[in-house]
Protein backbone atom coordinates (compact mmCIF):
# COMPACT_ATOMS: atom_id res chain seq x y z
CA MET A 1 -1.09 215.18 -54.12
CA THR A 2 0.69 211.85 -54.23
CA GLU A 3 1.36 210.84 -57.81
CA TYR A 4 2.85 207.38 -58.86
CA ALA A 5 3.49 206.39 -62.45
CA PRO A 6 1.01 203.39 -63.56
CA LEU A 7 2.52 199.89 -63.72
CA ASP A 8 1.73 197.78 -67.13
CA ILE A 9 2.01 194.66 -64.88
CA LEU A 10 1.63 194.26 -61.08
CA ALA A 11 2.13 190.40 -59.71
CA PHE A 12 0.73 189.77 -56.46
CA GLY A 13 2.14 186.73 -54.40
CA ALA A 14 0.99 185.23 -51.13
CA HIS A 15 4.54 184.82 -50.00
CA PRO A 16 7.73 186.53 -51.47
CA ASP A 17 9.38 183.94 -54.19
CA ASP A 18 5.60 182.84 -55.52
CA VAL A 19 5.93 185.29 -58.39
CA GLU A 20 9.65 184.70 -59.00
CA LEU A 21 9.12 181.21 -59.58
CA SER A 22 5.81 181.10 -61.62
CA ALA A 23 5.78 184.70 -63.62
CA GLY A 24 9.51 185.56 -63.45
CA GLY A 25 10.40 185.60 -66.88
CA THR A 26 7.34 186.97 -67.73
CA LEU A 27 8.43 189.89 -65.97
CA VAL A 28 12.10 190.09 -67.18
CA LYS A 29 10.62 189.74 -70.52
CA ALA A 30 8.22 192.54 -70.01
CA ALA A 31 11.00 195.02 -68.26
CA GLU A 32 13.29 194.42 -70.91
CA GLN A 33 10.60 195.89 -73.27
CA GLY A 34 10.54 198.89 -71.43
CA LYS A 35 7.39 198.29 -69.64
CA ARG A 36 6.89 199.07 -66.28
CA THR A 37 6.45 196.15 -63.74
CA GLY A 38 6.07 195.61 -60.01
CA ILE A 39 5.42 192.95 -57.41
CA VAL A 40 3.30 193.21 -54.36
CA ASP A 41 3.68 190.51 -51.56
CA LEU A 42 0.93 189.79 -49.29
CA THR A 43 2.75 188.55 -46.70
CA ARG A 44 6.14 188.13 -45.14
CA GLY A 45 6.40 184.61 -45.39
CA GLU A 46 7.06 184.64 -41.65
CA LEU A 47 5.63 180.76 -41.22
CA GLY A 48 8.01 179.14 -43.81
CA THR A 49 10.28 176.46 -42.38
CA ARG A 50 13.60 177.87 -43.36
CA GLY A 51 14.24 181.07 -43.16
CA SER A 52 12.72 184.14 -41.19
CA ALA A 53 10.65 187.26 -42.42
CA GLU A 54 13.82 189.26 -42.21
CA THR A 55 15.97 187.05 -44.32
CA ARG A 56 13.21 186.88 -46.71
CA ALA A 57 12.99 190.70 -47.14
CA VAL A 58 16.51 190.71 -47.81
CA GLU A 59 16.00 188.05 -50.46
CA ALA A 60 12.92 189.78 -52.08
CA ALA A 61 15.13 193.12 -52.64
CA ALA A 62 17.75 191.31 -54.20
CA ALA A 63 15.31 189.40 -56.48
CA ALA A 64 13.54 192.63 -57.29
CA GLU A 65 16.84 194.47 -59.24
CA ALA A 66 17.44 190.85 -61.02
CA LEU A 67 13.85 190.93 -62.32
CA GLY A 68 14.07 194.55 -63.12
CA LEU A 69 11.22 195.64 -60.72
CA VAL A 70 10.58 199.45 -60.22
CA VAL A 71 8.25 198.97 -57.59
CA ARG A 72 8.31 195.85 -54.83
CA ASP A 73 5.94 196.32 -51.51
CA ASN A 74 4.93 193.79 -48.70
CA LEU A 75 1.58 194.38 -47.33
CA GLY A 76 2.52 192.85 -44.13
CA LEU A 77 -0.48 190.57 -43.64
CA LYS A 78 -0.58 187.45 -41.66
CA ASP A 79 1.32 184.36 -43.12
CA GLY A 80 -1.50 181.77 -43.25
CA MET A 81 -3.75 185.18 -43.80
CA PRO A 82 -6.33 184.31 -41.00
CA GLU A 83 -7.15 187.90 -40.12
CA ASP A 84 -10.01 190.16 -41.17
CA GLU A 85 -11.09 189.44 -45.14
CA GLU A 86 -12.18 193.32 -45.20
CA LYS A 87 -8.69 194.25 -44.11
CA ALA A 88 -7.09 192.18 -46.63
CA ILE A 89 -9.13 193.40 -49.28
CA LEU A 90 -8.87 196.83 -48.71
CA ALA A 91 -5.09 196.59 -48.38
CA LEU A 92 -5.14 195.32 -51.93
CA ILE A 93 -7.51 197.91 -53.28
CA THR A 94 -5.25 200.73 -52.01
CA ALA A 95 -2.50 198.72 -53.53
CA ILE A 96 -4.05 198.52 -56.94
CA ARG A 97 -5.12 202.37 -56.85
CA LYS A 98 -1.44 203.25 -55.70
CA HIS A 99 -0.05 201.59 -58.90
CA ARG A 100 -2.65 201.47 -61.25
CA PRO A 101 -1.96 198.66 -63.40
CA ARG A 102 -3.11 197.50 -66.54
CA THR A 103 -2.69 193.92 -66.28
CA VAL A 104 -2.48 191.93 -62.73
CA LEU A 105 -0.94 188.74 -62.22
CA ALA A 106 -2.46 186.52 -59.18
CA ASN A 107 -1.65 183.11 -57.31
CA ALA A 108 -3.06 179.92 -58.98
CA LEU A 109 -6.65 179.36 -58.18
CA TYR A 110 -6.30 176.18 -56.95
CA ASP A 111 -2.78 174.90 -55.33
CA ARG A 112 -1.01 172.57 -52.94
CA HIS A 113 -0.61 175.54 -50.68
CA THR A 114 -3.87 176.75 -49.30
CA ASP A 115 -2.53 180.19 -49.12
CA HIS A 116 -1.99 180.47 -52.81
CA GLY A 117 -5.81 179.96 -53.76
CA ARG A 118 -6.81 182.07 -51.17
CA ALA A 119 -4.58 184.95 -52.10
CA ALA A 120 -6.22 184.28 -55.88
CA GLU A 121 -9.78 184.70 -54.84
CA LEU A 122 -8.58 187.80 -52.59
CA VAL A 123 -7.04 189.43 -55.58
CA HIS A 124 -9.91 188.65 -57.81
CA ARG A 125 -12.47 190.45 -55.59
CA ALA A 126 -9.90 193.55 -54.95
CA CYS A 127 -9.60 194.01 -58.62
CA PHE A 128 -13.19 194.19 -59.13
CA LEU A 129 -13.90 196.41 -56.11
CA ALA A 130 -10.85 198.77 -56.84
CA GLY A 131 -13.24 199.87 -59.60
CA LEU A 132 -15.91 201.27 -57.40
CA ALA A 133 -15.79 204.98 -56.15
CA ARG A 134 -17.71 204.77 -53.15
CA ILE A 135 -15.03 202.58 -51.72
CA GLU A 136 -12.89 205.10 -49.96
CA THR A 137 -8.96 204.32 -49.58
CA SER A 138 -6.03 206.70 -49.36
CA GLU A 139 -2.38 207.10 -49.64
CA SER A 140 0.24 206.94 -46.55
CA ASP A 141 0.05 210.43 -46.90
CA GLY A 142 -3.88 210.58 -46.66
CA THR A 143 -4.47 211.84 -49.96
CA ALA A 144 -7.69 210.14 -51.26
CA GLN A 145 -7.29 207.56 -54.25
CA ASN A 146 -9.28 207.59 -57.31
CA ALA A 147 -11.20 204.25 -58.36
CA HIS A 148 -9.20 201.94 -60.79
CA ARG A 149 -9.99 198.38 -62.15
CA PRO A 150 -7.25 196.65 -64.15
CA LEU A 151 -8.13 195.68 -67.83
CA HIS A 152 -6.67 192.08 -67.20
CA LEU A 153 -6.39 189.45 -64.42
CA LEU A 154 -4.16 186.64 -64.98
CA HIS A 155 -3.53 183.53 -62.51
CA TYR A 156 -0.23 181.92 -62.70
CA VAL A 157 0.48 178.29 -62.64
CA GLN A 158 2.26 176.93 -59.31
CA ASP A 159 2.76 173.52 -57.91
CA ARG A 160 -0.44 171.85 -59.03
CA PHE A 161 -1.08 171.97 -63.09
CA ARG A 162 -3.75 174.36 -64.08
CA GLU A 163 -4.19 174.09 -67.95
CA PRO A 164 -3.48 177.90 -69.22
CA SER A 165 -5.12 180.19 -70.95
CA ILE A 166 -2.41 181.83 -72.28
CA VAL A 167 1.38 181.07 -72.48
CA VAL A 168 4.04 183.58 -72.33
CA ASP A 169 7.29 182.74 -74.37
CA ILE A 170 10.04 183.50 -72.10
CA THR A 171 12.92 182.03 -73.85
CA GLY A 172 16.16 184.03 -73.32
CA ALA A 173 14.54 185.30 -69.82
CA GLU A 174 15.65 182.12 -67.99
CA VAL A 175 18.91 183.26 -66.87
CA LYS A 176 17.52 186.30 -65.13
CA LYS A 177 14.56 184.64 -64.21
CA TYR A 178 16.73 181.75 -61.94
CA ALA A 179 18.97 184.25 -60.87
CA ALA A 180 16.31 186.18 -59.04
CA ILE A 181 14.89 182.88 -57.51
CA ALA A 182 18.35 181.88 -56.67
CA CYS A 183 18.39 184.87 -54.33
CA TYR A 184 16.05 182.89 -52.00
CA SER A 185 18.81 181.13 -50.58
CA THR A 186 17.09 180.05 -47.66
CA GLN A 187 14.31 178.79 -49.51
CA PHE A 188 15.97 176.81 -52.34
CA HIS A 189 18.86 174.30 -52.80
CA VAL A 190 21.43 176.90 -54.43
CA PRO A 191 24.89 175.00 -54.94
CA GLY A 192 27.55 177.66 -53.18
CA ALA A 193 24.59 179.96 -52.04
CA ALA A 194 26.17 180.11 -48.38
CA GLU A 195 29.59 181.86 -49.70
CA GLY A 196 29.24 185.45 -48.81
CA ARG A 197 25.64 185.15 -48.82
CA ILE A 198 22.87 184.32 -46.41
CA GLU A 199 23.40 181.35 -44.64
CA VAL A 200 21.67 178.65 -45.65
CA PRO A 201 19.93 175.92 -42.80
CA SER A 202 21.07 172.20 -43.14
CA ALA A 203 18.43 170.81 -45.65
CA SER A 204 18.72 167.53 -43.44
CA ASP A 205 17.42 169.26 -40.31
CA LEU A 206 14.72 171.74 -42.15
CA ALA A 207 14.08 169.90 -45.67
CA THR A 208 10.82 171.19 -47.20
CA PRO A 209 9.54 170.26 -50.47
CA ILE A 210 11.10 173.20 -52.02
CA SER A 211 14.62 173.10 -50.75
CA THR A 212 15.78 169.70 -52.67
CA PRO A 213 18.00 169.89 -55.60
CA ASP A 214 14.93 168.25 -57.24
CA PHE A 215 12.65 171.09 -57.04
CA MET A 216 14.24 173.17 -59.26
CA ALA A 217 14.52 170.65 -62.21
CA VAL A 218 10.59 170.36 -61.63
CA VAL A 219 10.51 174.25 -62.02
CA ARG A 220 12.52 174.27 -65.34
CA GLY A 221 10.40 171.10 -66.30
CA ARG A 222 7.11 173.14 -65.93
CA ASP A 223 8.99 176.00 -68.20
CA ILE A 224 9.85 173.43 -70.77
CA THR A 225 6.22 171.83 -70.86
CA MET A 226 4.74 175.41 -71.17
CA GLY A 227 7.27 176.06 -73.81
CA ARG A 228 6.00 173.25 -75.82
CA TYR A 229 2.31 173.96 -75.64
CA ILE A 230 3.44 176.83 -78.32
CA GLY A 231 6.60 175.55 -79.90
CA VAL A 232 9.32 177.55 -77.85
CA ALA A 233 12.13 176.29 -75.56
CA SER A 234 10.32 178.10 -72.49
CA GLY A 235 7.13 179.69 -71.36
CA GLU A 236 4.95 180.41 -68.39
CA GLY A 237 1.12 179.61 -68.51
CA PHE A 238 -1.56 181.87 -67.11
CA GLU A 239 -5.10 180.95 -66.65
CA SER A 240 -7.97 183.71 -67.12
CA ARG A 241 -11.39 183.53 -65.59
CA THR A 242 -12.67 185.53 -68.89
CA PRO A 243 -12.16 185.55 -72.28
CA LEU A 244 -9.24 187.47 -73.43
CA GLY A 245 -10.04 189.59 -76.70
CA LEU A 246 -7.32 190.60 -79.52
CA SER A 247 -7.75 193.28 -82.24
CA ASP A 248 -6.53 190.73 -84.76
CA LEU A 249 -4.75 187.32 -85.08
CA SER A 250 -1.41 188.42 -85.92
CA GLY A 251 -0.07 188.50 -82.69
CA LEU A 252 -0.84 184.37 -82.35
CA ILE A 253 2.34 182.52 -82.28
């Protein structure tokens, strides 16, 4: 029988780099605290203007190391996600049952990129359905999986501003977060990235909203803004569809 140690946090992203940009600091901090963390990318990002599915796979592996992940998988769903919804949800359920996370992070509920909101809804449904024993799934070796429902599902903030339900203090984790983002040298403006790394297309030929030098300033500005909500240098915001409980108030900042 296949056995996997449960993850404390499993983050889903519609594309490689989604999680790094919006929840990378949270994963770094958790890993530094000894927690088991992982990312499952839904697609290979093959529709992206810059780079390719192959280069993004190399970048994602490097970013996983920078974040201190114990797991990084890719479901190989079609970018743009036009395929059968049942297939996508069953793939997500299988991943949730495989890794048995306590907390799941997912894309923003609404965002500039239409894949993000759709992925958020698919993960939301899969987290619930993964707890139903009558939905049968199996590991790659054919071993039947047990039902598992994560305790918490949080949606990270992406391009469009969302009022956070909670903010995680990522002060001190920024260096590793931005190092993980810099691994995606085909996607973002990374000074000197072409030196000994994946060759970067000319930004003048393949400019995108995320390939300009200004974009990283936006990411940093969002981290500062979220941090200001709770009086710290840097933060990452998350939205919850349900109330979040505390055993007592001592953990509040």
